């Protein structure tokens, strides 16, 4: 989620971000910096961190295939993109 959010949308922003990180308001000081301010809008830019663990045996097996290790890693990233949206590559 990102972009310019008007004051009328702040409850929706709060609700959505709180499903991801319940401590975000305290960490961002959201109430004092944004809610209690005279602001009518706020620009939000967010990202996520994804950690993937691939068993070593799977990497070794993939390295022996025609597509190799690169193909295996591309497949993993494609599955992440399909599930979460664009995460990279």
Protein backbone atom coordinates (compact mmCIF):
# COMPACT_ATOMS: atom_id res chain seq x y z
CA UNK A 1 0.00 0.00 0.00
CA UNK A 2 1.25 3.42 -0.76
CA UNK A 3 0.36 6.79 -2.14
CA UNK A 4 -1.42 9.90 -0.97
CA UNK A 5 -4.15 9.24 1.60
CA UNK A 6 -6.76 11.83 2.55
CA UNK A 7 -7.90 12.27 6.17
CA UNK A 8 -11.21 10.51 5.41
CA UNK A 9 -9.23 7.36 4.50
CA UNK A 10 -7.01 7.26 7.61
CA UNK A 11 -9.20 4.76 9.47
CA UNK A 12 -8.92 2.40 6.49
CA UNK A 13 -5.13 2.88 6.44
CA UNK A 14 -4.97 2.18 10.18
CA UNK A 15 -7.07 -0.96 9.83
CA UNK A 16 -5.07 -2.36 6.91
CA UNK A 17 -1.61 -1.70 8.35
CA UNK A 18 -2.67 -3.00 11.77
CA UNK A 19 -3.37 -6.41 10.21
CA UNK A 20 0.28 -6.53 9.15
CA UNK A 21 1.99 -4.96 12.18
CA UNK A 22 0.06 -4.27 15.37
CA UNK A 23 2.80 -1.93 16.73
CA UNK A 24 3.18 0.26 13.66
CA UNK A 25 1.35 3.28 15.11
CA UNK A 26 3.67 3.49 18.10
CA UNK A 27 6.77 2.98 15.95
CA UNK A 28 5.66 5.65 13.45
CA UNK A 29 4.21 7.95 16.15
CA UNK A 30 1.11 8.04 13.94
CA UNK A 31 -1.27 9.65 16.44
CA UNK A 32 0.83 12.66 17.43
CA UNK A 33 2.46 13.26 14.05
CA UNK A 34 -0.52 12.62 11.80
CA UNK A 35 -3.88 12.18 13.53
CA UNK A 36 -3.54 15.09 15.97
CA UNK A 37 -2.02 17.36 13.35
CA UNK A 38 -3.73 19.82 11.02
CA UNK A 39 -2.83 17.62 8.07
CA UNK A 40 -5.49 16.82 5.51
CA UNK A 41 -3.45 14.17 3.74
CA UNK A 42 -0.40 12.00 4.20
CA UNK A 43 1.90 10.26 1.72
CA UNK A 44 2.61 6.63 2.57
CA UNK A 45 5.29 4.38 1.16
CA UNK A 46 5.59 0.84 2.46
CA UNK A 47 7.49 -2.28 1.68
CA UNK A 48 7.65 -5.80 3.00
CA UNK A 49 10.49 -8.14 3.76
CA UNK A 50 10.11 -11.74 2.69
CA UNK A 51 12.44 -14.45 3.91
CA UNK A 52 12.53 -17.76 2.15
CA UNK A 53 14.19 -20.93 3.35
CA UNK A 54 14.97 -23.54 0.73
CA UNK A 55 16.27 -26.89 1.90
CA UNK A 56 19.83 -27.51 0.74
CA UNK A 57 18.83 -30.82 -0.84
CA UNK A 58 16.35 -29.00 -3.10
CA UNK A 59 19.06 -26.59 -4.22
CA UNK A 60 21.47 -29.45 -4.91
CA UNK A 61 18.84 -31.30 -6.94
CA UNK A 62 17.91 -28.15 -8.84
CA UNK A 63 21.57 -27.52 -9.67
CA UNK A 64 21.64 -30.84 -11.54
CA UNK A 65 18.62 -30.06 -13.73
CA UNK A 66 18.51 -28.41 -17.15
CA UNK A 67 17.23 -25.11 -15.70
CA UNK A 68 19.73 -25.30 -12.88
CA UNK A 69 19.76 -23.35 -9.67
CA UNK A 70 18.76 -20.15 -11.43
CA UNK A 71 15.60 -21.82 -12.74
CA UNK A 72 14.69 -23.03 -9.24
CA UNK A 73 15.18 -19.56 -7.76
CA UNK A 74 13.16 -17.97 -10.60
CA UNK A 75 10.35 -20.43 -9.86
CA UNK A 76 10.39 -19.52 -6.17
CA UNK A 77 10.26 -15.79 -6.96
CA UNK A 78 7.44 -16.36 -9.47
CA UNK A 79 5.40 -18.19 -6.82
CA UNK A 80 6.01 -15.33 -4.37
CA UNK A 81 4.96 -12.81 -7.01
CA UNK A 82 1.81 -14.80 -7.75
CA UNK A 83 0.92 -14.93 -4.06
CA UNK A 84 2.04 -11.50 -2.77
CA UNK A 85 2.29 -9.37 -5.87
CA UNK A 86 5.53 -8.11 -7.38
CA UNK A 87 8.40 -8.75 -4.95
CA UNK A 88 11.30 -8.52 -7.30
CA UNK A 89 13.45 -10.02 -10.02
